[in-house]
Amino acid sequence: MNILRPLSPHLPIYKPQLTSTFPISHRISGAFLATIVLFFYLICLKMGLICFTYENFYQFFFYSSKLILISVEITALALSYHLYNGVRHLLTDFSGFIFLEEKD
């Protein structure tokens, strides 16, 4: 009995397919969006809703640094990817169409 033999194939042998990377990236973008929603929910709990009526709050929050603008763009990208991937998933499951061809 050879004990040094691996139990499963090594990772360099495994070639990732496109259909296996879509669900993983969909879950990552969903977790990112859930984190952003939780963050803003906690901000609303901490500061209250009255702070959103002041113009100075918006000027400080949205125009204070470039990092906030970049994070808003990344959030919009994650939201659009999550939305379009979810629609693609629903169309693939319920319509009977196969958008990705299988290679033999």
PDB file of N, CA and C in Angstrom:
ATOM      1  N   MET A   1       0.843  -1.180   0.000  1.00  0.00           N
ATOM      2  CA  MET A   1       0.000   0.000   0.000  1.00  0.00           C
ATOM      3  C   MET A   1       0.892   1.249   0.000  1.00  0.00           C
ATOM      4  N   ASN A   2       0.632   2.122  -0.952  1.00  0.00           N
ATOM      5  CA  ASN A   2       1.421   3.334  -1.095  1.00  0.00           C
ATOM      6  C   ASN A   2       0.749   4.474  -0.319  1.00  0.00           C
ATOM      7  N   ILE A   3       1.378   4.917   0.738  1.00  0.00           N
ATOM      8  CA  ILE A   3       0.796   5.958   1.588  1.00  0.00           C
ATOM      9  C   ILE A   3       1.030   7.347   0.996  1.00  0.00           C
ATOM     10  N   LEU A   4       2.044   7.535   0.171  1.00  0.00           N
ATOM     11  CA  LEU A   4       2.367   8.841  -0.376  1.00  0.00           C
ATOM     12  C   LEU A   4       1.467   9.241  -1.545  1.00  0.00           C
ATOM     13  N   ARG A   5       0.590   8.383  -1.961  1.00  0.00           N
ATOM     14  CA  ARG A   5      -0.300   8.677  -3.066  1.00  0.00           C
ATOM     15  C   ARG A   5      -1.364   9.690  -2.614  1.00  0.00           C
ATOM     16  N   PRO A   6      -1.636  10.747  -3.409  1.00  0.00           N
ATOM     17  CA  PRO A   6      -2.648  11.732  -3.003  1.00  0.00           C
ATOM     18  C   PRO A   6      -4.051  11.144  -3.081  1.00  0.00           C
ATOM     19  N   LEU A   7      -4.922  11.635  -2.218  1.00  0.00           N
ATOM     20  CA  LEU A   7      -6.301  11.164  -2.188  1.00  0.00           C
ATOM     21  C   LEU A   7      -7.163  11.793  -3.286  1.00  0.00           C
ATOM     22  N   SER A   8      -6.834  13.010  -3.683  1.00  0.00           N
ATOM     23  CA  SER A   8      -7.597  13.702  -4.714  1.00  0.00           C
ATOM     24  C   SER A   8      -6.618  14.341  -5.702  1.00  0.00           C
ATOM     25  N   PRO A   9      -7.101  14.766  -6.865  1.00  0.00           N
ATOM     26  CA  PRO A   9      -6.198  15.401  -7.838  1.00  0.00           C
ATOM     27  C   PRO A   9      -5.617  16.698  -7.291  1.00  0.00           C
ATOM     28  N   HIS A  10      -4.450  17.007  -7.752  1.00  0.00           N
ATOM     29  CA  HIS A  10      -3.808  18.250  -7.329  1.00  0.00           C
ATOM     30  C   HIS A  10      -4.491  19.434  -7.991  1.00  0.00           C
ATOM     31  N   LEU A  11      -4.369  20.594  -7.372  1.00  0.00           N
ATOM     32  CA  LEU A  11      -5.003  21.787  -7.914  1.00  0.00           C
ATOM     33  C   LEU A  11      -4.422  22.229  -9.264  1.00  0.00           C
ATOM     34  N   PRO A  12      -3.140  22.095  -9.534  1.00  0.00           N
ATOM     35  CA  PRO A  12      -2.657  22.484 -10.866  1.00  0.00           C
ATOM     36  C   PRO A  12      -3.235  21.631 -11.996  1.00  0.00           C
ATOM     37  N   ILE A  13      -3.676  20.434 -11.698  1.00  0.00           N
ATOM     38  CA  ILE A  13      -4.267  19.586 -12.723  1.00  0.00           C
ATOM     39  C   ILE A  13      -5.683  20.052 -13.042  1.00  0.00           C
ATOM     40  N   TYR A  14      -6.387  20.552 -12.034  1.00  0.00           N
ATOM     41  CA  TYR A  14      -7.780  20.967 -12.194  1.00  0.00           C
ATOM     42  C   TYR A  14      -7.852  22.249 -13.007  1.00  0.00           C
ATOM     43  N   LYS A  15      -8.655  22.254 -14.043  1.00  0.00           N
ATOM     44  CA  LYS A  15      -8.860  23.440 -14.860  1.00  0.00           C
ATOM     45  C   LYS A  15     -10.213  24.050 -14.491  1.00  0.00           C
ATOM     46  N   PRO A  16     -10.246  25.266 -13.965  1.00  0.00           N
ATOM     47  CA  PRO A  16     -11.531  25.848 -13.557  1.00  0.00           C
ATOM     48  C   PRO A  16     -12.404  26.164 -14.778  1.00  0.00           C
ATOM     49  N   GLN A  17     -13.677  25.797 -14.679  1.00  0.00           N
ATOM     50  CA  GLN A  17     -14.610  26.082 -15.751  1.00  0.00           C
ATOM     51  C   GLN A  17     -15.315  27.407 -15.492  1.00  0.00           C
ATOM     52  N   LEU A  18     -15.868  27.955 -16.558  1.00  0.00           N
ATOM     53  CA  LEU A  18     -16.589  29.214 -16.442  1.00  0.00           C
ATOM     54  C   LEU A  18     -17.849  29.047 -15.608  1.00  0.00           C
ATOM     55  N   THR A  19     -18.494  27.889 -15.727  1.00  0.00           N
ATOM     56  CA  THR A  19     -19.722  27.665 -14.965  1.00  0.00           C
ATOM     57  C   THR A  19     -19.465  27.476 -13.475  1.00  0.00           C
ATOM     58  N   SER A  20     -18.256  27.143 -13.096  1.00  0.00           N
ATOM     59  CA  SER A  20     -17.955  27.018 -11.670  1.00  0.00           C
ATOM     60  C   SER A  20     -17.484  28.336 -11.067  1.00  0.00           C
ATOM     61  N   THR A  21     -17.009  29.266 -11.887  1.00  0.00           N
ATOM     62  CA  THR A  21     -16.560  30.544 -11.343  1.00  0.00           C
ATOM     63  C   THR A  21     -17.702  31.554 -11.199  1.00  0.00           C
ATOM     64  N   PHE A  22     -18.767  31.421 -11.995  1.00  0.00           N
ATOM     65  CA  PHE A  22     -19.900  32.342 -11.866  1.00  0.00           C
ATOM     66  C   PHE A  22     -20.564  32.270 -10.489  1.00  0.00           C
ATOM     67  N   PRO A  23     -20.905  31.084  -9.959  1.00  0.00           N
ATOM     68  CA  PRO A  23     -21.547  31.066  -8.633  1.00  0.00           C
ATOM     69  C   PRO A  23     -20.640  31.575  -7.514  1.00  0.00           C
ATOM     70  N   ILE A  24     -19.355  31.315  -7.634  1.00  0.00           N
ATOM     71  CA  ILE A  24     -18.430  31.780  -6.595  1.00  0.00           C
ATOM     72  C   ILE A  24     -18.365  33.304  -6.591  1.00  0.00           C
ATOM     73  N   SER A  25     -18.215  33.906  -7.771  1.00  0.00           N
ATOM     74  CA  SER A  25     -18.158  35.367  -7.834  1.00  0.00           C
ATOM     75  C   SER A  25     -19.515  35.997  -7.502  1.00  0.00           C
ATOM     76  N   HIS A  26     -20.605  35.299  -7.795  1.00  0.00           N
ATOM     77  CA  HIS A  26     -21.933  35.796  -7.433  1.00  0.00           C
ATOM     78  C   HIS A  26     -22.090  35.845  -5.911  1.00  0.00           C
ATOM     79  N   ARG A  27     -21.605  34.828  -5.233  1.00  0.00           N
ATOM     80  CA  ARG A  27     -21.676  34.821  -3.759  1.00  0.00           C
ATOM     81  C   ARG A  27     -20.753  35.871  -3.147  1.00  0.00           C
ATOM     82  N   ILE A  28     -19.583  36.072  -3.745  1.00  0.00           N
ATOM     83  CA  ILE A  28     -18.660  37.093  -3.226  1.00  0.00           C
ATOM     84  C   ILE A  28     -19.263  38.479  -3.385  1.00  0.00           C
ATOM     85  N   SER A  29     -19.864  38.763  -4.548  1.00  0.00           N
ATOM     86  CA  SER A  29     -20.478  40.080  -4.739  1.00  0.00           C
ATOM     87  C   SER A  29     -21.691  40.255  -3.831  1.00  0.00           C
ATOM     88  N   GLY A  30     -22.452  39.179  -3.588  1.00  0.00           N
ATOM     89  CA  GLY A  30     -23.585  39.265  -2.671  1.00  0.00           C
ATOM     90  C   GLY A  30     -23.151  39.516  -1.240  1.00  0.00           C
ATOM     91  N   ALA A  31     -22.079  38.878  -0.828  1.00  0.00           N
ATOM     92  CA  ALA A  31     -21.560  39.117   0.526  1.00  0.00           C
ATOM     93  C   ALA A  31     -21.039  40.542   0.672  1.00  0.00           C
ATOM     94  N   PHE A  32     -20.404  41.050  -0.378  1.00  0.00           N
ATOM     95  CA  PHE A  32     -19.920  42.433  -0.358  1.00  0.00           C
ATOM     96  C   PHE A  32     -21.083  43.412  -0.252  1.00  0.00           C
ATOM     97  N   LEU A  33     -22.128  43.191  -1.022  1.00  0.00           N
ATOM     98  CA  LEU A  33     -23.289  44.088  -0.984  1.00  0.00           C
ATOM     99  C   LEU A  33     -24.018  43.997   0.358  1.00  0.00           C
ATOM    100  N   ALA A  34     -24.101  42.804   0.936  1.00  0.00           N
ATOM    101  CA  ALA A  34     -24.723  42.658   2.249  1.00  0.00           C
ATOM    102  C   ALA A  34     -23.917  43.387   3.317  1.00  0.00           C
ATOM    103  N   THR A  35     -22.605  43.378   3.197  1.00  0.00           N
ATOM    104  CA  THR A  35     -21.747  44.102   4.134  1.00  0.00           C
ATOM    105  C   THR A  35     -21.958  45.608   4.021  1.00  0.00           C
ATOM    106  N   ILE A  36     -22.084  46.098   2.801  1.00  0.00           N
ATOM    107  CA  ILE A  36     -22.320  47.533   2.597  1.00  0.00           C
ATOM    108  C   ILE A  36     -23.670  47.942   3.182  1.00  0.00           C
ATOM    109  N   VAL A  37     -24.705  47.140   2.950  1.00  0.00           N
ATOM    110  CA  VAL A  37     -26.030  47.447   3.492  1.00  0.00           C
ATOM    111  C   VAL A  37     -26.006  47.431   5.019  1.00  0.00           C
ATOM    112  N   LEU A  38     -25.327  46.455   5.608  1.00  0.00           N
ATOM    113  CA  LEU A  38     -25.210  46.394   7.071  1.00  0.00           C
ATOM    114  C   LEU A  38     -24.453  47.598   7.607  1.00  0.00           C
ATOM    115  N   PHE A  39     -23.406  48.027   6.906  1.00  0.00           N
ATOM    116  CA  PHE A  39     -22.626  49.187   7.324  1.00  0.00           C
ATOM    117  C   PHE A  39     -23.500  50.442   7.351  1.00  0.00           C
ATOM    118  N   PHE A  40     -24.276  50.679   6.292  1.00  0.00           N
ATOM    119  CA  PHE A  40     -25.129  51.862   6.261  1.00  0.00           C
ATOM    120  C   PHE A  40     -26.283  51.757   7.253  1.00  0.00           C
ATOM    121  N   TYR A  41     -26.757  50.542   7.510  1.00  0.00           N
ATOM    122  CA  TYR A  41     -27.795  50.353   8.525  1.00  0.00           C
ATOM    123  C   TYR A  41     -27.245  50.720   9.913  1.00  0.00           C
ATOM    124  N   LEU A  42     -26.030  50.302  10.196  1.00  0.00           N
ATOM    125  CA  LEU A  42     -25.428  50.646  11.491  1.00  0.00           C
ATOM    126  C   LEU A  42     -25.148  52.138  11.598  1.00  0.00           C
ATOM    127  N   ILE A  43     -24.801  52.784  10.487  1.00  0.00           N
ATOM    128  CA  ILE A  43     -24.614  54.237  10.507  1.00  0.00           C
ATOM    129  C   ILE A  43     -25.933  54.929  10.830  1.00  0.00           C
ATOM    130  N   CYS A  44     -27.027  54.448  10.219  1.00  0.00           N
ATOM    131  CA  CYS A  44     -28.343  55.044  10.501  1.00  0.00           C
ATOM    132  C   CYS A  44     -28.744  54.837  11.955  1.00  0.00           C
ATOM    133  N   LEU A  45     -28.420  53.686  12.522  1.00  0.00           N
ATOM    134  CA  LEU A  45     -28.736  53.450  13.931  1.00  0.00           C
ATOM    135  C   LEU A  45     -27.909  54.335  14.848  1.00  0.00           C
ATOM    136  N   LYS A  46     -26.656  54.530  14.503  1.00  0.00           N
ATOM    137  CA  LYS A  46     -25.763  55.305  15.367  1.00  0.00           C
ATOM    138  C   LYS A  46     -26.072  56.792  15.310  1.00  0.00           C
ATOM    139  N   MET A  47     -26.237  57.321  14.105  1.00  0.00           N
ATOM    140  CA  MET A  47     -26.407  58.765  13.971  1.00  0.00           C
ATOM    141  C   MET A  47     -27.857  59.209  13.917  1.00  0.00           C
ATOM    142  N   GLY A  48     -28.734  58.320  13.536  1.00  0.00           N
ATOM    143  CA  GLY A  48     -30.134  58.706  13.406  1.00  0.00           C
ATOM    144  C   GLY A  48     -30.419  59.221  12.004  1.00  0.00           C
ATOM    145  N   LEU A  49     -31.679  59.293  11.671  1.00  0.00           N
ATOM    146  CA  LEU A  49     -32.063  59.717  10.320  1.00  0.00           C
ATOM    147  C   LEU A  49     -32.020  61.223  10.135  1.00  0.00           C
ATOM    148  N   ILE A  50     -31.896  61.988  11.223  1.00  0.00           N
ATOM    149  CA  ILE A  50     -31.897  63.441  11.099  1.00  0.00           C
ATOM    150  C   ILE A  50     -30.642  63.948  10.387  1.00  0.00           C
ATOM    151  N   CYS A  51     -29.542  63.188  10.468  1.00  0.00           N
ATOM    152  CA  CYS A  51     -28.302  63.658   9.846  1.00  0.00           C
ATOM    153  C   CYS A  51     -28.374  63.618   8.326  1.00  0.00           C
ATOM    154  N   PHE A  52     -29.285  62.827   7.757  1.00  0.00           N
ATOM    155  CA  PHE A  52     -29.389  62.757   6.307  1.00  0.00           C
ATOM    156  C   PHE A  52     -30.121  63.945   5.708  1.00  0.00           C
ATOM    157  N   THR A  53     -30.691  64.813   6.549  1.00  0.00           N
ATOM    158  CA  THR A  53     -31.373  65.994   6.043  1.00  0.00           C
ATOM    159  C   THR A  53     -30.457  67.202   5.936  1.00  0.00           C
ATOM    160  N   TYR A  54     -29.264  67.138   6.508  1.00  0.00           N
ATOM    161  CA  TYR A  54     -28.360  68.268   6.486  1.00  0.00           C
ATOM    162  C   TYR A  54     -27.454  68.199   5.261  1.00  0.00           C
ATOM    163  N   GLU A  55     -27.271  69.352   4.629  1.00  0.00           N
ATOM    164  CA  GLU A  55     -26.427  69.413   3.431  1.00  0.00           C
ATOM    165  C   GLU A  55     -24.955  69.230   3.784  1.00  0.00           C
ATOM    166  N   ASN A  56     -24.547  69.660   4.957  1.00  0.00           N
ATOM    167  CA  ASN A  56     -23.149  69.511   5.357  1.00  0.00           C
ATOM    168  C   ASN A  56     -22.762  68.041   5.494  1.00  0.00           C
ATOM    169  N   PHE A  57     -23.711  67.211   5.891  1.00  0.00           N
ATOM    170  CA  PHE A  57     -23.426  65.780   5.998  1.00  0.00           C
ATOM    171  C   PHE A  57     -23.096  65.201   4.629  1.00  0.00           C
ATOM    172  N   TYR A  58     -23.882  65.564   3.615  1.00  0.00           N
ATOM    173  CA  TYR A  58     -23.628  65.060   2.274  1.00  0.00           C
ATOM    174  C   TYR A  58     -22.297  65.571   1.733  1.00  0.00           C
ATOM    175  N   GLN A  59     -21.997  66.825   1.984  1.00  0.00           N
ATOM    176  CA  GLN A  59     -20.728  67.372   1.506  1.00  0.00           C
ATOM    177  C   GLN A  59     -19.556  66.676   2.167  1.00  0.00           C
ATOM    178  N   PHE A  60     -19.648  66.409   3.442  1.00  0.00           N
ATOM    179  CA  PHE A  60     -18.552  65.720   4.124  1.00  0.00           C
ATOM    180  C   PHE A  60     -18.444  64.273   3.678  1.00  0.00           C
ATOM    181  N   PHE A  61     -19.576  63.596   3.577  1.00  0.00           N
ATOM    182  CA  PHE A  61     -19.560  62.161   3.325  1.00  0.00           C
ATOM    183  C   PHE A  61     -19.199  61.817   1.892  1.00  0.00           C
ATOM    184  N   PHE A  62     -19.705  62.565   0.921  1.00  0.00           N
ATOM    185  CA  PHE A  62     -19.506  62.200  -0.471  1.00  0.00           C
ATOM    186  C   PHE A  62     -18.378  62.949  -1.162  1.00  0.00           C
ATOM    187  N   TYR A  63     -17.994  64.106  -0.667  1.00  0.00           N
ATOM    188  CA  TYR A  63     -16.974  64.886  -1.349  1.00  0.00           C
ATOM    189  C   TYR A  63     -15.690  65.037  -0.541  1.00  0.00           C
ATOM    190  N   SER A  64     -15.529  64.261   0.512  1.00  0.00           N
ATOM    191  CA  SER A  64     -14.361  64.456   1.367  1.00  0.00           C
ATOM    192  C   SER A  64     -13.106  63.801   0.811  1.00  0.00           C
ATOM    193  N   SER A  65     -13.217  62.660   0.158  1.00  0.00           N
ATOM    194  CA  SER A  65     -12.012  62.014  -0.353  1.00  0.00           C
ATOM    195  C   SER A  65     -12.327  61.208  -1.604  1.00  0.00           C
ATOM    196  N   LYS A  66     -11.279  60.877  -2.325  1.00  0.00           N
ATOM    197  CA  LYS A  66     -11.425  60.060  -3.536  1.00  0.00           C
ATOM    198  C   LYS A  66     -11.711  58.601  -3.183  1.00  0.00           C
ATOM    199  N   LEU A  67     -11.340  58.165  -1.995  1.00  0.00           N
ATOM    200  CA  LEU A  67     -11.561  56.783  -1.594  1.00  0.00           C
ATOM    201  C   LEU A  67     -13.048  56.459  -1.517  1.00  0.00           C
ATOM    202  N   ILE A  68     -13.847  57.403  -1.084  1.00  0.00           N
ATOM    203  CA  ILE A  68     -15.285  57.181  -1.003  1.00  0.00           C
ATOM    204  C   ILE A  68     -15.879  57.065  -2.399  1.00  0.00           C
ATOM    205  N   LEU A  69     -15.405  57.885  -3.338  1.00  0.00           N
ATOM    206  CA  LEU A  69     -15.899  57.799  -4.711  1.00  0.00           C
ATOM    207  C   LEU A  69     -15.523  56.478  -5.358  1.00  0.00           C
ATOM    208  N   ILE A  70     -14.325  55.990  -5.076  1.00  0.00           N
ATOM    209  CA  ILE A  70     -13.893  54.698  -5.617  1.00  0.00           C
ATOM    210  C   ILE A  70     -14.722  53.572  -5.012  1.00  0.00           C
ATOM    211  N   SER A  71     -15.012  53.654  -3.718  1.00  0.00           N
ATOM    212  CA  SER A  71     -15.824  52.610  -3.090  1.00  0.00           C
ATOM    213  C   SER A  71     -17.265  52.625  -3.607  1.00  0.00           C
ATOM    214  N   VAL A  72     -17.794  53.790  -3.937  1.00  0.00           N
ATOM    215  CA  VAL A  72     -19.126  53.866  -4.532  1.00  0.00           C
ATOM    216  C   VAL A  72     -19.124  53.229  -5.915  1.00  0.00           C
ATOM    217  N   GLU A  73     -18.067  53.453  -6.696  1.00  0.00           N
ATOM    218  CA  GLU A  73     -17.965  52.845  -8.022  1.00  0.00           C
ATOM    219  C   GLU A  73     -17.832  51.329  -7.929  1.00  0.00           C
ATOM    220  N   ILE A  74     -17.062  50.842  -6.965  1.00  0.00           N
ATOM    221  CA  ILE A  74     -16.910  49.395  -6.789  1.00  0.00           C
ATOM    222  C   ILE A  74     -18.235  48.773  -6.350  1.00  0.00           C
ATOM    223  N   THR A  75     -18.969  49.479  -5.487  1.00  0.00           N
ATOM    224  CA  THR A  75     -20.272  48.983  -5.058  1.00  0.00           C
ATOM    225  C   THR A  75     -21.260  48.947  -6.220  1.00  0.00           C
ATOM    226  N   ALA A  76     -21.237  49.961  -7.072  1.00  0.00           N
ATOM    227  CA  ALA A  76     -22.122  49.968  -8.244  1.00  0.00           C
ATOM    228  C   ALA A  76     -21.753  48.848  -9.211  1.00  0.00           C
ATOM    229  N   LEU A  77     -20.470  48.584  -9.368  1.00  0.00           N
ATOM    230  CA  LEU A  77     -20.024  47.482 -10.224  1.00  0.00           C
ATOM    231  C   LEU A  77     -20.471  46.137  -9.648  1.00  0.00           C
ATOM    232  N   ALA A  78     -20.329  45.962  -8.349  1.00  0.00           N
ATOM    233  CA  ALA A  78     -20.754  44.715  -7.713  1.00  0.00           C
ATOM    234  C   ALA A  78     -22.266  44.544  -7.795  1.00  0.00           C
ATOM    235  N   LEU A  79     -23.011  45.634  -7.635  1.00  0.00           N
ATOM    236  CA  LEU A  79     -24.467  45.559  -7.731  1.00  0.00           C
ATOM    237  C   LEU A  79     -24.913  45.189  -9.140  1.00  0.00           C
ATOM    238  N   SER A  80     -24.308  45.803 -10.151  1.00  0.00           N
ATOM    239  CA  SER A  80     -24.702  45.484 -11.525  1.00  0.00           C
ATOM    240  C   SER A  80     -24.310  44.061 -11.886  1.00  0.00           C
ATOM    241  N   TYR A  81     -23.128  43.609 -11.460  1.00  0.00           N
ATOM    242  CA  TYR A  81     -22.731  42.232 -11.744  1.00  0.00           C
ATOM    243  C   TYR A  81     -23.667  41.245 -11.054  1.00  0.00           C
ATOM    244  N   HIS A  82     -23.996  41.506  -9.794  1.00  0.00           N
ATOM    245  CA  HIS A  82     -24.865  40.608  -9.036  1.00  0.00           C
ATOM    246  C   HIS A  82     -26.262  40.555  -9.657  1.00  0.00           C
ATOM    247  N   LEU A  83     -26.759  41.696 -10.109  1.00  0.00           N
ATOM    248  CA  LEU A  83     -28.079  41.751 -10.734  1.00  0.00           C
ATOM    249  C   LEU A  83     -28.093  40.999 -12.060  1.00  0.00           C
ATOM    250  N   TYR A  84     -27.133  41.269 -12.941  1.00  0.00           N
ATOM    251  CA  TYR A  84     -27.112  40.624 -14.256  1.00  0.00           C
ATOM    252  C   TYR A  84     -26.816  39.135 -14.153  1.00  0.00           C
ATOM    253  N   ASN A  85     -25.984  38.748 -13.218  1.00  0.00           N
ATOM    254  CA  ASN A  85     -25.703  37.327 -13.040  1.00  0.00           C
ATOM    255  C   ASN A  85     -26.926  36.606 -12.478  1.00  0.00           C
ATOM    256  N   GLY A  86     -27.678  37.252 -11.615  1.00  0.00           N
ATOM    257  CA  GLY A  86     -28.903  36.649 -11.111  1.00  0.00           C
ATOM    258  C   GLY A  86     -29.952  36.482 -12.193  1.00  0.00           C
ATOM    259  N   VAL A  87     -30.086  37.477 -13.072  1.00  0.00           N
ATOM    260  CA  VAL A  87     -31.023  37.374 -14.191  1.00  0.00           C
ATOM    261  C   VAL A  87     -30.590  36.263 -15.140  1.00  0.00           C
ATOM    262  N   ARG A  88     -29.293  36.171 -15.422  1.00  0.00           N
ATOM    263  CA  ARG A  88     -28.772  35.109 -16.281  1.00  0.00           C
ATOM    264  C   ARG A  88     -29.045  33.735 -15.665  1.00  0.00           C
ATOM    265  N   HIS A  89     -28.879  33.646 -14.360  1.00  0.00           N
ATOM    266  CA  HIS A  89     -29.125  32.390 -13.666  1.00  0.00           C
ATOM    267  C   HIS A  89     -30.605  32.000 -13.744  1.00  0.00           C
ATOM    268  N   LEU A  90     -31.484  32.959 -13.538  1.00  0.00           N
ATOM    269  CA  LEU A  90     -32.915  32.673 -13.632  1.00  0.00           C
ATOM    270  C   LEU A  90     -33.322  32.276 -15.047  1.00  0.00           C
ATOM    271  N   LEU A  91     -32.790  32.965 -16.049  1.00  0.00           N
ATOM    272  CA  LEU A  91     -33.107  32.616 -17.432  1.00  0.00           C
ATOM    273  C   LEU A  91     -32.590  31.227 -17.788  1.00  0.00           C
ATOM    274  N   THR A  92     -31.416  30.889 -17.310  1.00  0.00           N
ATOM    275  CA  THR A  92     -30.852  29.578 -17.601  1.00  0.00           C
ATOM    276  C   THR A  92     -31.652  28.474 -16.923  1.00  0.00           C
ATOM    277  N   ASP A  93     -32.100  28.705 -15.704  1.00  0.00           N
ATOM    278  CA  ASP A  93     -32.817  27.663 -14.973  1.00  0.00           C
ATOM    279  C   ASP A  93     -34.255  27.478 -15.437  1.00  0.00           C
ATOM    280  N   PHE A  94     -34.955  28.583 -15.666  1.00  0.00           N
ATOM    281  CA  PHE A  94     -36.393  28.476 -15.881  1.00  0.00           C
ATOM    282  C   PHE A  94     -36.837  28.543 -17.335  1.00  0.00           C
ATOM    283  N   SER A  95     -35.984  28.995 -18.228  1.00  0.00           N
ATOM    284  CA  SER A  95     -36.440  29.143 -19.611  1.00  0.00           C
ATOM    285  C   SER A  95     -36.096  27.942 -20.472  1.00  0.00           C
ATOM    286  N   GLY A  96     -35.186  27.125 -20.058  1.00  0.00           N
ATOM    287  CA  GLY A  96     -34.806  25.964 -20.850  1.00  0.00           C
ATOM    288  C   GLY A  96     -33.721  26.250 -21.856  1.00  0.00           C
ATOM    289  N   PHE A  97     -33.305  27.508 -21.986  1.00  0.00           N
ATOM    290  CA  PHE A  97     -32.221  27.833 -22.904  1.00  0.00           C
ATOM    291  C   PHE A  97     -30.892  27.537 -22.247  1.00  0.00           C
ATOM    292  N   ILE A  98     -29.929  27.151 -23.045  1.00  0.00           N
ATOM    293  CA  ILE A  98     -28.578  26.929 -22.551  1.00  0.00           C
ATOM    294  C   ILE A  98     -27.693  27.982 -23.191  1.00  0.00           C
ATOM    295  N   PHE A  99     -27.232  28.928 -22.365  1.00  0.00           N
ATOM    296  CA  PHE A  99     -26.415  30.013 -22.892  1.00  0.00           C
ATOM    297  C   PHE A  99     -24.961  29.613 -23.047  1.00  0.00           C
ATOM    298  N   LEU A 100     -24.501  28.686 -22.242  1.00  0.00           N
ATOM    299  CA  LEU A 100     -23.112  28.250 -22.325  1.00  0.00           C
ATOM    300  C   LEU A 100     -23.060  26.878 -22.964  1.00  0.00           C
ATOM    301  N   GLU A 101     -22.310  26.766 -24.034  1.00  0.00           N
ATOM    302  CA  GLU A 101     -22.200  25.493 -24.726  1.00  0.00           C
ATOM    303  C   GLU A 101     -21.233  24.588 -23.980  1.00  0.00           C
ATOM    304  N   GLU A 102     -21.559  23.328 -23.932  1.00  0.00           N
ATOM    305  CA  GLU A 102     -20.671  22.354 -23.296  1.00  0.00           C
ATOM    306  C   GLU A 102     -19.691  21.814 -24.322  1.00  0.00           C
ATOM    307  N   LYS A 103     -18.439  21.721 -23.913  1.00  0.00           N
ATOM    308  CA  LYS A 103     -17.406  21.173 -24.789  1.00  0.00           C
ATOM    309  C   LYS A 103     -17.170  19.720 -24.425  1.00  0.00           C
ATOM    310  N   ASP A 104     -17.043  18.901 -25.423  1.00  0.00           N
ATOM    311  CA  ASP A 104     -16.787  17.478 -25.169  1.00  0.00           C
ATOM    312  C   ASP A 104     -15.315  17.192 -25.101  1.00  0.00           C
TER     313      ASP A 104
END
